[in-house]
């Protein structure tokens, strides 16, 4: 799950800086960001009625 702090819904439209720009002057934060995601997985699910116990 990726979470981004925002003030309100409108703030999603006016965010123009990249992560690199935000962390460029903070070496520790940049290293923490690089280590934050070690693995990424994606799951896709599809309901199959024939495998369900529900009527």
Protein backbone atom coordinates (compact mmCIF):
# COMPACT_ATOMS: atom_id res chain seq x y z
CA UNK A 1 0.00 0.00 0.00
CA UNK A 2 1.37 3.37 -0.93
CA UNK A 3 0.12 6.27 1.14
CA UNK A 4 0.57 9.94 0.35
CA UNK A 5 -0.39 12.68 2.80
CA UNK A 6 -2.67 15.37 1.37
CA UNK A 7 -4.52 18.34 2.85
CA UNK A 8 -7.71 17.70 0.82
CA UNK A 9 -8.92 16.15 -2.45
CA UNK A 10 -7.98 19.24 -4.48
CA UNK A 11 -4.33 18.93 -3.42
CA UNK A 12 -3.97 15.80 -5.59
CA UNK A 13 -4.21 18.01 -8.69
CA UNK A 14 -1.61 20.60 -7.73
CA UNK A 15 1.35 18.45 -6.66
CA UNK A 16 4.07 19.04 -9.27
CA UNK A 17 7.29 18.00 -7.53
CA UNK A 18 8.88 14.60 -7.93
CA UNK A 19 10.13 12.45 -5.05
CA UNK A 20 13.71 13.08 -6.18
CA UNK A 21 13.15 16.85 -5.97
CA UNK A 22 11.62 16.54 -2.50
CA UNK A 23 14.44 14.38 -1.13
CA UNK A 24 17.38 15.84 -3.06
CA UNK A 25 18.79 17.77 -0.08
CA UNK A 26 18.23 15.05 2.51
CA UNK A 27 20.61 12.10 2.02
CA UNK A 28 19.20 10.09 4.93
CA UNK A 29 15.61 10.47 3.69
CA UNK A 30 16.69 9.50 0.17
CA UNK A 31 18.35 6.32 1.47
CA UNK A 32 15.28 5.52 3.59
CA UNK A 33 13.08 5.97 0.54
CA UNK A 34 15.29 3.68 -1.54
CA UNK A 35 15.09 0.98 1.14
CA UNK A 36 11.34 1.38 1.76
CA UNK A 37 10.12 -1.07 -0.88
CA UNK A 38 11.94 -4.37 -1.01
CA UNK A 39 9.19 -6.37 -2.74
CA UNK A 40 6.14 -5.53 -4.80
CA UNK A 41 3.35 -8.01 -5.47
CA UNK A 42 0.18 -7.75 -7.52
CA UNK A 43 -2.78 -10.07 -7.13
CA UNK A 44 -5.73 -10.42 -9.47
CA UNK A 45 -8.82 -12.24 -8.33
CA UNK A 46 -11.81 -13.50 -10.23
CA UNK A 47 -14.98 -14.88 -8.69
CA UNK A 48 -15.87 -18.38 -9.92
CA UNK A 49 -19.36 -19.42 -8.91
CA UNK A 50 -18.63 -23.12 -9.46
CA UNK A 51 -15.98 -23.00 -6.73
CA UNK A 52 -18.21 -21.22 -4.23
CA UNK A 53 -20.19 -22.80 -1.37
CA UNK A 54 -22.63 -19.90 -1.45
CA UNK A 55 -26.03 -20.59 -3.03
